[in-house]
C-alpha atoms as a PDB file:
ATOM      1  CA  UNK A   1       1.417  10.215   8.682  1.00  0.00           C
ATOM      2  CA  UNK A   2       3.119  12.806   6.502  1.00  0.00           C
ATOM      3  CA  UNK A   3       4.990  14.094   9.492  1.00  0.00           C
ATOM      4  CA  UNK A   4       6.895  11.507  11.416  1.00  0.00           C
ATOM      5  CA  UNK A   5       6.344  11.141  15.118  1.00  0.00           C
ATOM      6  CA  UNK A   6       9.306  12.398  17.134  1.00  0.00           C
ATOM      7  CA  UNK A   7       8.972   9.363  19.417  1.00  0.00           C
ATOM      8  CA  UNK A   8       8.957   6.740  16.640  1.00  0.00           C
ATOM      9  CA  UNK A   9      11.911   4.390  17.054  1.00  0.00           C
ATOM     10  CA  UNK A  10      12.913   0.942  15.853  1.00  0.00           C
ATOM     11  CA  UNK A  11      12.767  -0.405  19.400  1.00  0.00           C
ATOM     12  CA  UNK A  12       9.113   0.623  19.710  1.00  0.00           C
ATOM     13  CA  UNK A  13       7.824  -0.859  16.456  1.00  0.00           C
ATOM     14  CA  UNK A  14       7.166  -4.392  17.789  1.00  0.00           C
ATOM     15  CA  UNK A  15       5.197  -2.783  20.610  1.00  0.00           C
ATOM     16  CA  UNK A  16       3.120  -0.718  18.151  1.00  0.00           C
ATOM     17  CA  UNK A  17       2.356  -3.914  16.232  1.00  0.00           C
ATOM     18  CA  UNK A  18       1.421  -5.831  19.383  1.00  0.00           C
ATOM     19  CA  UNK A  19      -0.847  -3.014  20.586  1.00  0.00           C
ATOM     20  CA  UNK A  20      -2.580  -2.944  17.200  1.00  0.00           C
ATOM     21  CA  UNK A  21      -3.099  -6.729  17.232  1.00  0.00           C
ATOM     22  CA  UNK A  22      -4.500  -6.571  20.757  1.00  0.00           C
ATOM     23  CA  UNK A  23      -6.982  -3.818  19.814  1.00  0.00           C
ATOM     24  CA  UNK A  24      -7.995  -5.503  16.559  1.00  0.00           C
ATOM     25  CA  UNK A  25      -8.442  -8.980  17.993  1.00  0.00           C
ATOM     26  CA  UNK A  26     -10.358  -7.755  21.037  1.00  0.00           C
ATOM     27  CA  UNK A  27     -13.228  -6.552  18.855  1.00  0.00           C
ATOM     28  CA  UNK A  28     -13.157  -9.361  16.303  1.00  0.00           C
ATOM     29  CA  UNK A  29     -11.547 -12.762  16.002  1.00  0.00           C
ATOM     30  CA  UNK A  30      -9.055 -11.827  13.331  1.00  0.00           C
ATOM     31  CA  UNK A  31      -6.238 -14.322  12.716  1.00  0.00           C
ATOM     32  CA  UNK A  32      -3.447 -11.749  12.971  1.00  0.00           C
ATOM     33  CA  UNK A  33      -0.660 -14.236  13.681  1.00  0.00           C
ATOM     34  CA  UNK A  34       2.308 -12.413  12.095  1.00  0.00           C
ATOM     35  CA  UNK A  35       2.390 -14.709   9.071  1.00  0.00           C
ATOM     36  CA  UNK A  36       2.478 -13.801   5.395  1.00  0.00           C
ATOM     37  CA  UNK A  37      -1.106 -15.040   4.778  1.00  0.00           C
ATOM     38  CA  UNK A  38      -2.362 -12.650   7.484  1.00  0.00           C
ATOM     39  CA  UNK A  39      -1.348  -9.739   5.253  1.00  0.00           C
ATOM     40  CA  UNK A  40      -4.485 -10.457   3.200  1.00  0.00           C
ATOM     41  CA  UNK A  41      -6.472  -9.569   6.316  1.00  0.00           C
ATOM     42  CA  UNK A  42      -4.495  -6.349   6.654  1.00  0.00           C
ATOM     43  CA  UNK A  43      -5.373  -5.533   3.033  1.00  0.00           C
ATOM     44  CA  UNK A  44      -9.066  -6.029   3.850  1.00  0.00           C
ATOM     45  CA  UNK A  45      -8.819  -3.907   7.004  1.00  0.00           C
ATOM     46  CA  UNK A  46      -7.333  -1.084   4.949  1.00  0.00           C
ATOM     47  CA  UNK A  47     -10.132  -1.502   2.385  1.00  0.00           C
ATOM     48  CA  UNK A  48     -12.577  -1.005   5.261  1.00  0.00           C
ATOM     49  CA  UNK A  49     -10.807   2.204   6.296  1.00  0.00           C
ATOM     50  CA  UNK A  50     -10.937   3.438   2.700  1.00  0.00           C
ATOM     51  CA  UNK A  51     -14.685   2.776   2.439  1.00  0.00           C
ATOM     52  CA  UNK A  52     -15.279   5.090   5.375  1.00  0.00           C
ATOM     53  CA  UNK A  53     -14.288   8.014   3.167  1.00  0.00           C
ATOM     54  CA  UNK A  54     -11.912   9.426   5.773  1.00  0.00           C
ATOM     55  CA  UNK A  55      -8.612  11.134   5.066  1.00  0.00           C
ATOM     56  CA  UNK A  56      -5.193   9.737   5.874  1.00  0.00           C
ATOM     57  CA  UNK A  57      -4.790  12.081   8.839  1.00  0.00           C
ATOM     58  CA  UNK A  58      -8.021  10.725  10.343  1.00  0.00           C
ATOM     59  CA  UNK A  59      -6.653   7.179  10.366  1.00  0.00           C
ATOM     60  CA  UNK A  60      -2.973   7.917  11.092  1.00  0.00           C
ATOM     61  CA  UNK A  61      -3.018   5.857  14.311  1.00  0.00           C
ATOM     62  CA  UNK A  62      -4.512   2.717  12.763  1.00  0.00           C
ATOM     63  CA  UNK A  63      -2.205   3.071   9.749  1.00  0.00           C
ATOM     64  CA  UNK A  64       0.811   3.225  12.060  1.00  0.00           C
ATOM     65  CA  UNK A  65      -0.382   0.055  13.802  1.00  0.00           C
ATOM     66  CA  UNK A  66      -1.024  -1.686  10.499  1.00  0.00           C
ATOM     67  CA  UNK A  67       2.370  -0.619   9.143  1.00  0.00           C
ATOM     68  CA  UNK A  68       4.114  -1.829  12.284  1.00  0.00           C
ATOM     69  CA  UNK A  69       2.282  -5.148  11.934  1.00  0.00           C
ATOM     70  CA  UNK A  70       3.401  -5.482   8.296  1.00  0.00           C
ATOM     71  CA  UNK A  71       6.941  -4.769   9.428  1.00  0.00           C
ATOM     72  CA  UNK A  72       6.750  -7.376  12.167  1.00  0.00           C
ATOM     73  CA  UNK A  73       5.590  -9.952   9.615  1.00  0.00           C
ATOM     74  CA  UNK A  74       8.745  -9.119   7.639  1.00  0.00           C
ATOM     75  CA  UNK A  75      10.831  -9.457  10.811  1.00  0.00           C
ATOM     76  CA  UNK A  76       9.398 -12.870  11.652  1.00  0.00           C
ATOM     77  CA  UNK A  77       8.926 -14.327   8.182  1.00  0.00           C
ATOM     78  CA  UNK A  78      11.684 -12.706   6.115  1.00  0.00           C
ATOM     79  CA  UNK A  79      14.479 -12.112   8.610  1.00  0.00           C
ATOM     80  CA  UNK A  80      14.265  -8.313   8.624  1.00  0.00           C
ATOM     81  CA  UNK A  81      15.368  -6.089  11.505  1.00  0.00           C
ATOM     82  CA  UNK A  82      13.871  -2.718  12.466  1.00  0.00           C
ATOM     83  CA  UNK A  83      16.437   0.089  12.161  1.00  0.00           C
ATOM     84  CA  UNK A  84      16.514   3.725  13.214  1.00  0.00           C
ATOM     85  CA  UNK A  85      17.422   6.009  10.330  1.00  0.00           C
ATOM     86  CA  UNK A  86      19.732   8.897  11.294  1.00  0.00           C
ATOM     87  CA  UNK A  87      18.320  12.409  10.719  1.00  0.00           C
ATOM     88  CA  UNK A  88      20.847  13.256   8.004  1.00  0.00           C
ATOM     89  CA  UNK A  89      20.529   9.961   6.093  1.00  0.00           C
ATOM     90  CA  UNK A  90      18.994  10.076   2.604  1.00  0.00           C
ATOM     91  CA  UNK A  91      16.497   7.317   3.462  1.00  0.00           C
ATOM     92  CA  UNK A  92      15.006   9.538   6.174  1.00  0.00           C
ATOM     93  CA  UNK A  93      14.049  12.010   3.449  1.00  0.00           C
ATOM     94  CA  UNK A  94      12.882   9.354   0.995  1.00  0.00           C
ATOM     95  CA  UNK A  95      10.842   7.408   3.565  1.00  0.00           C
ATOM     96  CA  UNK A  96       9.656  10.486   5.510  1.00  0.00           C
ATOM     97  CA  UNK A  97      10.025   8.200   8.537  1.00  0.00           C
ATOM     98  CA  UNK A  98      12.647   7.722  11.209  1.00  0.00           C
ATOM     99  CA  UNK A  99      12.487   3.906  11.003  1.00  0.00           C
ATOM    100  CA  UNK A 100      12.755   1.244   8.339  1.00  0.00           C
ATOM    101  CA  UNK A 101      13.463  -2.461   7.964  1.00  0.00           C
ATOM    102  CA  UNK A 102      16.843  -3.877   7.027  1.00  0.00           C
ATOM    103  CA  UNK A 103      16.596  -7.140   5.133  1.00  0.00           C
ATOM    104  CA  UNK A 104      19.192  -9.932   5.432  1.00  0.00           C
ATOM    105  CA  UNK A 105      20.825  -8.774   2.174  1.00  0.00           C
ATOM    106  CA  UNK A 106      21.231  -5.214   3.540  1.00  0.00           C
ATOM    107  CA  UNK A 107      18.393  -3.498   1.662  1.00  0.00           C
ATOM    108  CA  UNK A 108      16.195  -1.178   3.698  1.00  0.00           C
ATOM    109  CA  UNK A 109      12.423  -1.079   3.133  1.00  0.00           C
ATOM    110  CA  UNK A 110       9.595   1.123   4.375  1.00  0.00           C
ATOM    111  CA  UNK A 111       6.537  -0.884   5.505  1.00  0.00           C
ATOM    112  CA  UNK A 112       4.961   2.186   7.151  1.00  0.00           C
ATOM    113  CA  UNK A 113       5.014   4.104   3.878  1.00  0.00           C
ATOM    114  CA  UNK A 114       3.845   1.070   1.931  1.00  0.00           C
ATOM    115  CA  UNK A 115       0.833   0.777   4.247  1.00  0.00           C
ATOM    116  CA  UNK A 116      -0.040   4.426   3.616  1.00  0.00           C
ATOM    117  CA  UNK A 117       0.264   3.765  -0.136  1.00  0.00           C
ATOM    118  CA  UNK A 118      -2.135   0.838   0.234  1.00  0.00           C
ATOM    119  CA  UNK A 119      -4.631   3.159   1.922  1.00  0.00           C
ATOM    120  CA  UNK A 120      -4.256   5.998  -0.594  1.00  0.00           C
ATOM    121  CA  UNK A 121      -3.905   4.070  -3.863  1.00  0.00           C
ATOM    122  CA  UNK A 122      -5.920   0.940  -3.209  1.00  0.00           C
ATOM    123  CA  UNK A 123      -5.795  -2.807  -3.910  1.00  0.00           C
ATOM    124  CA  UNK A 124      -3.068  -2.562  -6.556  1.00  0.00           C
ATOM    125  CA  UNK A 125      -0.700  -1.791  -3.642  1.00  0.00           C
ATOM    126  CA  UNK A 126      -1.520  -5.083  -1.884  1.00  0.00           C
ATOM    127  CA  UNK A 127       0.585  -5.738   1.205  1.00  0.00           C
ATOM    128  CA  UNK A 128       0.408  -9.485   0.649  1.00  0.00           C
ATOM    129  CA  UNK A 129       1.867  -9.001  -2.841  1.00  0.00           C
ATOM    130  CA  UNK A 130       4.455  -6.632  -1.343  1.00  0.00           C
ATOM    131  CA  UNK A 131       5.659  -9.435   0.923  1.00  0.00           C
ATOM    132  CA  UNK A 132       5.686 -12.042  -1.831  1.00  0.00           C
ATOM    133  CA  UNK A 133       7.679  -9.872  -4.248  1.00  0.00           C
ATOM    134  CA  UNK A 134      10.013  -8.263  -1.721  1.00  0.00           C
ATOM    135  CA  UNK A 135      13.706  -8.602  -2.505  1.00  0.00           C
ATOM    136  CA  UNK A 136      16.223  -9.492   0.148  1.00  0.00           C
ATOM    137  CA  UNK A 137      14.254 -12.042   2.171  1.00  0.00           C
ATOM    138  CA  UNK A 138      16.080 -14.873   3.866  1.00  0.00           C
ATOM    139  CA  UNK A 139      15.528 -18.325   2.405  1.00  0.00           C
ATOM    140  CA  UNK A 140      12.697 -20.272   4.059  1.00  0.00           C
ATOM    141  CA  UNK A 141      13.510 -22.239   7.211  1.00  0.00           C
ATOM    142  CA  UNK A 142      16.835 -20.624   7.974  1.00  0.00           C
ATOM    143  CA  UNK A 143      17.871 -19.398  11.366  1.00  0.00           C
ATOM    144  CA  UNK A 144      17.670 -15.720  12.030  1.00  0.00           C
ATOM    145  CA  UNK A 145      20.969 -13.988  12.667  1.00  0.00           C
ATOM    146  CA  UNK A 146      21.706 -10.536  13.992  1.00  0.00           C
ATOM    147  CA  UNK A 147      22.182  -8.023  11.185  1.00  0.00           C
ATOM    148  CA  UNK A 148      24.950  -5.473  11.712  1.00  0.00           C
ATOM    149  CA  UNK A 149      24.492  -2.025  10.263  1.00  0.00           C
ATOM    150  CA  UNK A 150      27.812  -0.787   8.850  1.00  0.00           C
ATOM    151  CA  UNK A 151      26.287   2.286   7.184  1.00  0.00           C
ATOM    152  CA  UNK A 152      25.091   4.089  10.304  1.00  0.00           C
ATOM    153  CA  UNK A 153      21.588   2.606  10.536  1.00  0.00           C
ATOM    154  CA  UNK A 154      21.306   1.116  13.996  1.00  0.00           C
ATOM    155  CA  UNK A 155      19.431  -2.142  14.461  1.00  0.00           C
ATOM    156  CA  UNK A 156      17.393  -2.771  17.591  1.00  0.00           C
ATOM    157  CA  UNK A 157      14.820  -5.087  19.111  1.00  0.00           C
ATOM    158  CA  UNK A 158      11.918  -4.496  21.484  1.00  0.00           C
END
């Protein structure tokens, strides 16, 4: 996942997450329900990938699906919105991705990169902890509102 996919867009990320959940739950009864507690399962799935001794390139597809799932948890539980990052924007260079998540307070985060970090570094990069310590979440039990992107990052939905 070093090189971003030319077809990766914010509009497609919910579909990547849904496809991953469908594949993962077909083989095993995993409670991947897009909630914060389900991120512990994602952490364990990544631990399983790490135990296989494969390189990041060998598991790029599953990591994309896992990262999209993490992002969708942030969309549903924290009020985030997937955004496309313009080619000349600094975040595109920093994230090495063409998509990110805009939080209700305007911050933009990189769940795809964080998922790769979890794979490469290990349990200290827990995705569950990432969610729990993430800045910019909406308060619990508030209605989701559309987030406008005044700085050139377009928001979209699948």
